[in-house]
Amino acid sequence: MTRVAVLGSRGRMGSAACEAIAAADGLSLVARVDVDDPIESLEQSGTEVAVDFTSPDAVMSSVRWCIGHGIHVVVGTSGFGQARLDHVRGWLLDAPSVAVMVVPNFSVGAVLMMRFAAQAAGFFESVEIVELHHPDKVDAPSGTARRTAELVAAARERAGMPAIPDATTDALDGARGAEVAGVRVHGVRLRGLVAHQEVLLGGTGETLTLRHDSLDRVSFMPGVLSAVRWVADNPGLTVGLEPALGLD
């Protein structure tokens, strides 16, 4: 039995993860930690893998503490750009047996959508991303949208594609969205939504739209369980759920 703790256990994703881990074969939920709970309980409970669903403000200190105490981490908290990933790589240099897996999206469908977008990116002149989430989400653009833009940009570079065309010279601030790796990303926050994303690709005379919808947080739980079961055997930093699904 792998001994698992959940950080941010009283949040929407954290509470769902607790239920899924507690019910899963081969996993034992040994600690639930939230704001004002001592993180030291992970060590006291013999935690082997911590799942982090805290907040962008808290996640880095949690990850650093876990690395320092030899605990593997699956990170589902948003807000991981290149600078944060570089910090984690640096901390892992002193803990070569520890694994950290940063997952922008635990939905199998979302992972496939990102993969398909990267496959298509080298065939279309234009691409933009629209991500749509509930209004309680604190970061924008979403981690999934950031990751999708990075994968699309890398695929376009490999294919020798030029910069995405855009003749805009007069625009209100934010009207053209944010730019991630040269790809425009637009964020929508609307009550009633959970997590949704569209990748819009365009060429002469045609467009291709890839869309994924998560309608309930239960859709993320198979991915969470796959990551927890995979991470301990793969030390170092891993970004994305793909390896745990056998897609790399």
C-alpha atoms as a PDB file:
ATOM      1  CA  MET A   1       0.000   0.000   0.000  1.00  0.00           C
ATOM      2  CA  THR A   2       1.338   3.393  -0.996  1.00  0.00           C
ATOM      3  CA  ARG A   3       0.836   5.898   1.824  1.00  0.00           C
ATOM      4  CA  VAL A   4      -0.643   9.103   0.404  1.00  0.00           C
ATOM      5  CA  ALA A   5      -1.396  12.551   1.837  1.00  0.00           C
ATOM      6  CA  VAL A   6      -3.472  15.338   0.284  1.00  0.00           C
ATOM      7  CA  LEU A   7      -2.489  18.982   0.765  1.00  0.00           C
ATOM      8  CA  GLY A   8      -5.386  21.383   0.328  1.00  0.00           C
ATOM      9  CA  SER A   9      -7.681  18.590   1.427  1.00  0.00           C
ATOM     10  CA  ARG A  10     -10.719  20.777   2.110  1.00  0.00           C
ATOM     11  CA  GLY A  11     -10.763  22.444  -1.297  1.00  0.00           C
ATOM     12  CA  ARG A  12     -12.859  21.325  -4.248  1.00  0.00           C
ATOM     13  CA  MET A  13     -10.146  19.255  -5.908  1.00  0.00           C
ATOM     14  CA  GLY A  14      -8.519  18.215  -2.632  1.00  0.00           C
ATOM     15  CA  SER A  15     -11.695  16.788  -1.153  1.00  0.00           C
ATOM     16  CA  ALA A  16     -12.459  14.880  -4.366  1.00  0.00           C
ATOM     17  CA  ALA A  17      -8.899  13.516  -4.363  1.00  0.00           C
ATOM     18  CA  CYS A  18      -9.264  12.359  -0.757  1.00  0.00           C
ATOM     19  CA  GLU A  19     -12.384  10.372  -1.633  1.00  0.00           C
ATOM     20  CA  ALA A  20     -10.778   8.809  -4.709  1.00  0.00           C
ATOM     21  CA  ILE A  21      -7.543   7.855  -2.939  1.00  0.00           C
ATOM     22  CA  ALA A  22      -9.372   6.422   0.073  1.00  0.00           C
ATOM     23  CA  ALA A  23     -11.408   4.178  -2.235  1.00  0.00           C
ATOM     24  CA  ALA A  24      -8.540   3.120  -4.530  1.00  0.00           C
ATOM     25  CA  ASP A  25      -6.846  -0.267  -4.484  1.00  0.00           C
ATOM     26  CA  GLY A  26      -3.229  -0.196  -3.392  1.00  0.00           C
ATOM     27  CA  LEU A  27      -3.387   3.309  -1.910  1.00  0.00           C
ATOM     28  CA  SER A  28      -3.882   4.381   1.699  1.00  0.00           C
ATOM     29  CA  LEU A  29      -4.915   7.944   2.600  1.00  0.00           C
ATOM     30  CA  VAL A  30      -2.848   8.639   5.719  1.00  0.00           C
ATOM     31  CA  ALA A  31      -3.034  12.450   6.050  1.00  0.00           C
ATOM     32  CA  ARG A  32      -5.312  15.334   5.119  1.00  0.00           C
ATOM     33  CA  VAL A  33      -3.662  18.749   5.406  1.00  0.00           C
ATOM     34  CA  ASP A  34      -5.215  22.146   4.799  1.00  0.00           C
ATOM     35  CA  VAL A  35      -4.655  25.748   5.891  1.00  0.00           C
ATOM     36  CA  ASP A  36      -3.388  25.937   9.506  1.00  0.00           C
ATOM     37  CA  ASP A  37      -2.765  22.173   9.668  1.00  0.00           C
ATOM     38  CA  PRO A  38       0.886  21.283  10.372  1.00  0.00           C
ATOM     39  CA  ILE A  39       2.656  19.904   7.322  1.00  0.00           C
ATOM     40  CA  GLU A  40       4.797  17.899   9.726  1.00  0.00           C
ATOM     41  CA  SER A  41       1.900  15.433   9.952  1.00  0.00           C
ATOM     42  CA  LEU A  42       3.086  14.043   6.615  1.00  0.00           C
ATOM     43  CA  GLU A  43       6.302  12.866   8.195  1.00  0.00           C
ATOM     44  CA  GLN A  44       4.519  11.588  11.304  1.00  0.00           C
ATOM     45  CA  SER A  45       2.067   9.560   9.180  1.00  0.00           C
ATOM     46  CA  GLY A  46       4.775   8.005   7.030  1.00  0.00           C
ATOM     47  CA  THR A  47       3.558   9.672   3.836  1.00  0.00           C
ATOM     48  CA  GLU A  48       5.297   8.432   0.714  1.00  0.00           C
ATOM     49  CA  VAL A  49       3.444  10.533  -1.883  1.00  0.00           C
ATOM     50  CA  ALA A  50       1.850  13.943  -1.325  1.00  0.00           C
ATOM     51  CA  VAL A  51      -0.784  15.313  -3.695  1.00  0.00           C
ATOM     52  CA  ASP A  52      -0.792  19.117  -3.702  1.00  0.00           C
ATOM     53  CA  PHE A  53      -4.027  20.990  -4.385  1.00  0.00           C
ATOM     54  CA  THR A  54      -3.202  24.058  -2.284  1.00  0.00           C
ATOM     55  CA  SER A  55      -2.866  27.494  -3.925  1.00  0.00           C
ATOM     56  CA  PRO A  56      -0.326  29.259  -6.153  1.00  0.00           C
ATOM     57  CA  ASP A  57       0.869  31.196  -3.087  1.00  0.00           C
ATOM     58  CA  ALA A  58       1.422  28.119  -0.911  1.00  0.00           C
ATOM     59  CA  VAL A  59       2.501  25.392  -3.311  1.00  0.00           C
ATOM     60  CA  MET A  60       6.201  26.206  -3.590  1.00  0.00           C
ATOM     61  CA  SER A  61       6.840  26.039   0.146  1.00  0.00           C
ATOM     62  CA  SER A  62       4.914  22.749   0.339  1.00  0.00           C
ATOM     63  CA  VAL A  63       6.877  21.211  -2.522  1.00  0.00           C
ATOM     64  CA  ARG A  64      10.192  22.331  -1.064  1.00  0.00           C
ATOM     65  CA  TRP A  65       9.316  20.884   2.357  1.00  0.00           C
ATOM     66  CA  CYS A  66       8.327  17.543   0.824  1.00  0.00           C
ATOM     67  CA  ILE A  67      11.500  17.328  -1.248  1.00  0.00           C
ATOM     68  CA  GLY A  68      13.569  18.076   1.841  1.00  0.00           C
ATOM     69  CA  HIS A  69      11.858  15.260   3.717  1.00  0.00           C
ATOM     70  CA  GLY A  70      12.107  12.658   0.969  1.00  0.00           C
ATOM     71  CA  ILE A  71       8.411  12.694   0.035  1.00  0.00           C
ATOM     72  CA  HIS A  72       7.381  12.398  -3.612  1.00  0.00           C
ATOM     73  CA  VAL A  73       4.932  15.047  -4.842  1.00  0.00           C
ATOM     74  CA  VAL A  74       2.167  15.159  -7.412  1.00  0.00           C
ATOM     75  CA  VAL A  75       1.325  18.826  -8.015  1.00  0.00           C
ATOM     76  CA  GLY A  76      -2.109  19.761  -9.302  1.00  0.00           C
ATOM     77  CA  THR A  77      -1.910  23.390  -8.200  1.00  0.00           C
ATOM     78  CA  SER A  78      -1.816  25.978 -10.988  1.00  0.00           C
ATOM     79  CA  GLY A  79       0.701  28.754 -11.453  1.00  0.00           C
ATOM     80  CA  PHE A  80       3.754  26.809 -12.628  1.00  0.00           C
ATOM     81  CA  GLY A  81       5.709  28.772 -15.198  1.00  0.00           C
ATOM     82  CA  GLN A  82       9.288  28.130 -16.263  1.00  0.00           C
ATOM     83  CA  ALA A  83      10.790  30.002 -13.302  1.00  0.00           C
ATOM     84  CA  ARG A  84       8.983  27.793 -10.769  1.00  0.00           C
ATOM     85  CA  LEU A  85       9.912  24.631 -12.633  1.00  0.00           C
ATOM     86  CA  ASP A  86      13.556  25.742 -12.570  1.00  0.00           C
ATOM     87  CA  HIS A  87      13.354  26.238  -8.792  1.00  0.00           C
ATOM     88  CA  VAL A  88      12.002  22.707  -8.350  1.00  0.00           C
ATOM     89  CA  ARG A  89      14.761  21.268 -10.557  1.00  0.00           C
ATOM     90  CA  GLY A  90      17.305  23.036  -8.383  1.00  0.00           C
ATOM     91  CA  TRP A  91      15.848  21.622  -5.157  1.00  0.00           C
ATOM     92  CA  LEU A  92      15.825  18.125  -6.637  1.00  0.00           C
ATOM     93  CA  LEU A  93      19.578  18.266  -7.273  1.00  0.00           C
ATOM     94  CA  ASP A  94      20.034  17.714  -3.541  1.00  0.00           C
ATOM     95  CA  ALA A  95      17.410  14.928  -3.466  1.00  0.00           C
ATOM     96  CA  PRO A  96      18.069  12.714  -6.514  1.00  0.00           C
ATOM     97  CA  SER A  97      15.784   9.915  -5.301  1.00  0.00           C
ATOM     98  CA  VAL A  98      12.711  12.186  -4.933  1.00  0.00           C
ATOM     99  CA  ALA A  99      10.121  12.597  -7.688  1.00  0.00           C
ATOM    100  CA  VAL A 100       7.982  15.647  -8.433  1.00  0.00           C
ATOM    101  CA  MET A 101       5.267  15.502 -11.073  1.00  0.00           C
ATOM    102  CA  VAL A 102       3.647  18.798 -12.088  1.00  0.00           C
ATOM    103  CA  VAL A 103       0.330  18.137 -13.847  1.00  0.00           C
ATOM    104  CA  PRO A 104      -1.447  21.018 -15.613  1.00  0.00           C
ATOM    105  CA  ASN A 105      -4.574  18.883 -16.079  1.00  0.00           C
ATOM    106  CA  PHE A 106      -5.479  15.435 -14.714  1.00  0.00           C
ATOM    107  CA  SER A 107      -8.248  14.792 -17.240  1.00  0.00           C
ATOM    108  CA  VAL A 108      -7.352  12.100 -19.760  1.00  0.00           C
ATOM    109  CA  GLY A 109      -9.468  13.922 -22.326  1.00  0.00           C
ATOM    110  CA  ALA A 110      -7.626  17.188 -21.731  1.00  0.00           C
ATOM    111  CA  VAL A 111      -4.261  15.457 -22.074  1.00  0.00           C
ATOM    112  CA  LEU A 112      -5.348  13.987 -25.405  1.00  0.00           C
ATOM    113  CA  MET A 113      -6.669  17.383 -26.525  1.00  0.00           C
ATOM    114  CA  MET A 114      -3.247  18.930 -25.841  1.00  0.00           C
ATOM    115  CA  ARG A 115      -1.547  16.107 -27.719  1.00  0.00           C
ATOM    116  CA  PHE A 116      -3.854  16.470 -30.730  1.00  0.00           C
ATOM    117  CA  ALA A 117      -3.304  20.249 -30.734  1.00  0.00           C
ATOM    118  CA  ALA A 118       0.458  19.743 -30.887  1.00  0.00           C
ATOM    119  CA  GLN A 119       0.048  17.249 -33.731  1.00  0.00           C
ATOM    120  CA  ALA A 120      -2.087  19.694 -35.715  1.00  0.00           C
ATOM    121  CA  ALA A 121      -0.075  22.838 -34.973  1.00  0.00           C
ATOM    122  CA  GLY A 122       2.460  22.348 -37.767  1.00  0.00           C
ATOM    123  CA  PHE A 123      -0.253  22.221 -40.438  1.00  0.00           C
ATOM    124  CA  PHE A 124      -2.112  25.490 -39.786  1.00  0.00           C
ATOM    125  CA  GLU A 125      -1.008  29.086 -40.202  1.00  0.00           C
ATOM    126  CA  SER A 126      -2.985  30.364 -37.205  1.00  0.00           C
ATOM    127  CA  VAL A 127      -3.749  29.053 -33.740  1.00  0.00           C
ATOM    128  CA  GLU A 128      -5.355  30.591 -30.661  1.00  0.00           C
ATOM    129  CA  ILE A 129      -6.526  29.111 -27.359  1.00  0.00           C
ATOM    130  CA  VAL A 130      -9.663  29.908 -25.365  1.00  0.00           C
ATOM    131  CA  GLU A 131      -9.930  28.550 -21.818  1.00  0.00           C
ATOM    132  CA  LEU A 132     -13.174  28.775 -19.862  1.00  0.00           C
ATOM    133  CA  HIS A 133     -13.469  28.202 -16.103  1.00  0.00           C
ATOM    134  CA  HIS A 134     -15.613  28.965 -13.071  1.00  0.00           C
ATOM    135  CA  PRO A 135     -15.146  32.460 -11.569  1.00  0.00           C
ATOM    136  CA  ASP A 136     -13.583  31.134  -8.333  1.00  0.00           C
ATOM    137  CA  LYS A 137     -10.395  30.175 -10.167  1.00  0.00           C
ATOM    138  CA  VAL A 138      -7.562  32.449  -9.016  1.00  0.00           C
ATOM    139  CA  ASP A 139      -5.084  32.178 -11.897  1.00  0.00           C
ATOM    140  CA  ALA A 140      -5.356  33.126 -15.553  1.00  0.00           C
ATOM    141  CA  PRO A 141      -4.594  31.756 -18.006  1.00  0.00           C
ATOM    142  CA  SER A 142      -5.059  28.232 -16.705  1.00  0.00           C
ATOM    143  CA  GLY A 143      -2.152  25.841 -16.349  1.00  0.00           C
ATOM    144  CA  THR A 144      -3.685  23.706 -19.085  1.00  0.00           C
ATOM    145  CA  ALA A 145      -3.808  26.653 -21.482  1.00  0.00           C
ATOM    146  CA  ARG A 146      -0.198  27.570 -20.693  1.00  0.00           C
ATOM    147  CA  ARG A 147       0.921  23.997 -21.287  1.00  0.00           C
ATOM    148  CA  THR A 148      -1.085  23.742 -24.508  1.00  0.00           C
ATOM    149  CA  ALA A 149       0.455  26.954 -25.823  1.00  0.00           C
ATOM    150  CA  GLU A 150       3.965  25.712 -25.010  1.00  0.00           C
ATOM    151  CA  LEU A 151       3.359  22.379 -26.747  1.00  0.00           C
ATOM    152  CA  VAL A 152       1.840  24.107 -29.782  1.00  0.00           C
ATOM    153  CA  ALA A 153       4.724  26.582 -30.004  1.00  0.00           C
ATOM    154  CA  ALA A 154       7.315  23.795 -29.788  1.00  0.00           C
ATOM    155  CA  ALA A 155       5.535  21.834 -32.515  1.00  0.00           C
ATOM    156  CA  ARG A 156       5.383  24.893 -34.776  1.00  0.00           C
ATOM    157  CA  GLU A 157       9.075  25.526 -34.243  1.00  0.00           C
ATOM    158  CA  ARG A 158       9.938  21.921 -35.167  1.00  0.00           C
ATOM    159  CA  ALA A 159       7.832  22.269 -38.310  1.00  0.00           C
ATOM    160  CA  GLY A 160       9.587  25.509 -39.285  1.00  0.00           C
ATOM    161  CA  MET A 161       6.387  27.546 -39.090  1.00  0.00           C
ATOM    162  CA  PRO A 162       6.603  31.358 -39.135  1.00  0.00           C
ATOM    163  CA  ALA A 163       5.130  33.583 -36.435  1.00  0.00           C
ATOM    164  CA  ILE A 164       1.344  33.477 -36.193  1.00  0.00           C
ATOM    165  CA  PRO A 165      -0.070  36.308 -38.325  1.00  0.00           C
ATOM    166  CA  ASP A 166      -1.765  39.221 -36.566  1.00  0.00           C
ATOM    167  CA  ALA A 167      -2.107  42.658 -38.117  1.00  0.00           C
ATOM    168  CA  THR A 168      -3.625  44.265 -35.005  1.00  0.00           C
ATOM    169  CA  THR A 169      -2.163  47.717 -34.353  1.00  0.00           C
ATOM    170  CA  ASP A 170      -4.998  49.313 -32.364  1.00  0.00           C
ATOM    171  CA  ALA A 171      -6.482  47.366 -29.427  1.00  0.00           C
ATOM    172  CA  LEU A 172      -7.738  47.855 -25.895  1.00  0.00           C
ATOM    173  CA  ASP A 173      -5.544  46.290 -23.231  1.00  0.00           C
ATOM    174  CA  GLY A 174      -6.326  42.591 -23.019  1.00  0.00           C
ATOM    175  CA  ALA A 175      -8.493  42.503 -26.130  1.00  0.00           C
ATOM    176  CA  ARG A 176      -6.094  40.097 -27.816  1.00  0.00           C
ATOM    177  CA  GLY A 177      -5.584  37.998 -24.687  1.00  0.00           C
ATOM    178  CA  ALA A 178      -2.279  36.998 -23.154  1.00  0.00           C
ATOM    179  CA  GLU A 179       0.702  35.723 -25.130  1.00  0.00           C
ATOM    180  CA  VAL A 180       2.316  32.434 -24.113  1.00  0.00           C
ATOM    181  CA  ALA A 181       5.278  31.310 -26.222  1.00  0.00           C
ATOM    182  CA  GLY A 182       3.953  33.392 -29.106  1.00  0.00           C
ATOM    183  CA  VAL A 183       0.434  31.917 -28.913  1.00  0.00           C
ATOM    184  CA  ARG A 184      -2.573  34.041 -27.953  1.00  0.00           C
ATOM    185  CA  VAL A 185      -4.546  32.692 -24.974  1.00  0.00           C
ATOM    186  CA  HIS A 186      -7.951  34.040 -23.919  1.00  0.00           C
ATOM    187  CA  GLY A 187      -9.554  33.394 -20.529  1.00  0.00           C
ATOM    188  CA  VAL A 188     -13.277  33.309 -19.713  1.00  0.00           C
ATOM    189  CA  ARG A 189     -14.597  33.193 -16.116  1.00  0.00           C
ATOM    190  CA  LEU A 190     -18.283  32.324 -15.864  1.00  0.00           C
ATOM    191  CA  ARG A 191     -20.546  30.874 -13.177  1.00  0.00           C
ATOM    192  CA  GLY A 192     -21.806  27.457 -14.200  1.00  0.00           C
ATOM    193  CA  LEU A 193     -18.563  26.375 -15.888  1.00  0.00           C
ATOM    194  CA  VAL A 194     -16.074  23.858 -14.479  1.00  0.00           C
ATOM    195  CA  ALA A 195     -13.068  23.516 -16.839  1.00  0.00           C
ATOM    196  CA  HIS A 196     -13.187  23.842 -20.616  1.00  0.00           C
ATOM    197  CA  GLN A 197     -10.770  24.641 -23.418  1.00  0.00           C
ATOM    198  CA  GLU A 198     -10.830  25.228 -27.160  1.00  0.00           C
ATOM    199  CA  VAL A 199      -7.844  25.230 -29.496  1.00  0.00           C
ATOM    200  CA  LEU A 200      -8.712  27.059 -32.712  1.00  0.00           C
ATOM    201  CA  LEU A 201      -6.518  26.336 -35.731  1.00  0.00           C
ATOM    202  CA  GLY A 202      -6.904  28.073 -39.079  1.00  0.00           C
ATOM    203  CA  GLY A 203      -5.523  27.862 -42.585  1.00  0.00           C
ATOM    204  CA  THR A 204      -6.591  29.102 -45.977  1.00  0.00           C
ATOM    205  CA  GLY A 205     -10.206  28.096 -46.488  1.00  0.00           C
ATOM    206  CA  GLU A 206     -10.566  25.918 -43.385  1.00  0.00           C
ATOM    207  CA  THR A 207     -10.514  25.822 -39.600  1.00  0.00           C
ATOM    208  CA  LEU A 208     -10.138  23.035 -37.052  1.00  0.00           C
ATOM    209  CA  THR A 209     -11.529  23.328 -33.512  1.00  0.00           C
ATOM    210  CA  LEU A 210     -10.459  21.006 -30.708  1.00  0.00           C
ATOM    211  CA  ARG A 211     -12.590  21.299 -27.573  1.00  0.00           C
ATOM    212  CA  HIS A 212     -12.543  19.524 -24.246  1.00  0.00           C
ATOM    213  CA  ASP A 213     -15.103  19.883 -21.437  1.00  0.00           C
ATOM    214  CA  SER A 214     -14.761  18.694 -17.859  1.00  0.00           C
ATOM    215  CA  LEU A 215     -18.302  18.692 -16.479  1.00  0.00           C
ATOM    216  CA  ASP A 216     -17.504  17.308 -13.022  1.00  0.00           C
ATOM    217  CA  ARG A 217     -14.329  17.114 -10.952  1.00  0.00           C
ATOM    218  CA  VAL A 218     -14.718  13.357 -10.814  1.00  0.00           C
ATOM    219  CA  SER A 219     -13.312  13.396 -14.367  1.00  0.00           C
ATOM    220  CA  PHE A 220      -9.897  14.314 -12.952  1.00  0.00           C
ATOM    221  CA  MET A 221      -9.659  11.448 -10.471  1.00  0.00           C
ATOM    222  CA  PRO A 222      -8.443   8.630 -12.779  1.00  0.00           C
ATOM    223  CA  GLY A 223      -5.551  10.888 -13.728  1.00  0.00           C
ATOM    224  CA  VAL A 224      -4.793  11.697 -10.090  1.00  0.00           C
ATOM    225  CA  LEU A 225      -4.644   8.003  -9.230  1.00  0.00           C
ATOM    226  CA  SER A 226      -2.447   7.244 -12.250  1.00  0.00           C
ATOM    227  CA  ALA A 227      -0.001   9.979 -11.230  1.00  0.00           C
ATOM    228  CA  VAL A 228       0.147   8.814  -7.601  1.00  0.00           C
ATOM    229  CA  ARG A 229       0.880   5.236  -8.669  1.00  0.00           C
ATOM    230  CA  TRP A 230       3.532   6.307 -11.213  1.00  0.00           C
ATOM    231  CA  VAL A 231       5.481   9.070  -9.530  1.00  0.00           C
ATOM    232  CA  ALA A 232       7.547   7.215  -6.906  1.00  0.00           C
ATOM    233  CA  ASP A 233       9.270   5.037  -9.501  1.00  0.00           C
ATOM    234  CA  ASN A 234      10.345   8.012 -11.614  1.00  0.00           C
ATOM    235  CA  PRO A 235      12.637  10.386  -9.678  1.00  0.00           C
ATOM    236  CA  GLY A 236      13.314  13.894 -10.872  1.00  0.00           C
ATOM    237  CA  LEU A 237      10.922  16.456 -12.348  1.00  0.00           C
ATOM    238  CA  THR A 238       8.165  15.396 -14.742  1.00  0.00           C
ATOM    239  CA  VAL A 239       5.773  17.882 -16.347  1.00  0.00           C
ATOM    240  CA  GLY A 240       2.459  16.567 -17.626  1.00  0.00           C
ATOM    241  CA  LEU A 241       0.416  13.430 -17.088  1.00  0.00           C
ATOM    242  CA  GLU A 242       1.448  11.832 -20.384  1.00  0.00           C
ATOM    243  CA  PRO A 243       4.145   9.477 -19.016  1.00  0.00           C
ATOM    244  CA  ALA A 244       1.790   8.066 -16.381  1.00  0.00           C
ATOM    245  CA  LEU A 245      -0.693   7.273 -19.157  1.00  0.00           C
ATOM    246  CA  GLY A 246       1.945   5.632 -21.356  1.00  0.00           C
ATOM    247  CA  LEU A 247       1.767   8.427 -23.940  1.00  0.00           C
ATOM    248  CA  ASP A 248       5.467   9.389 -23.944  1.00  0.00           C
END
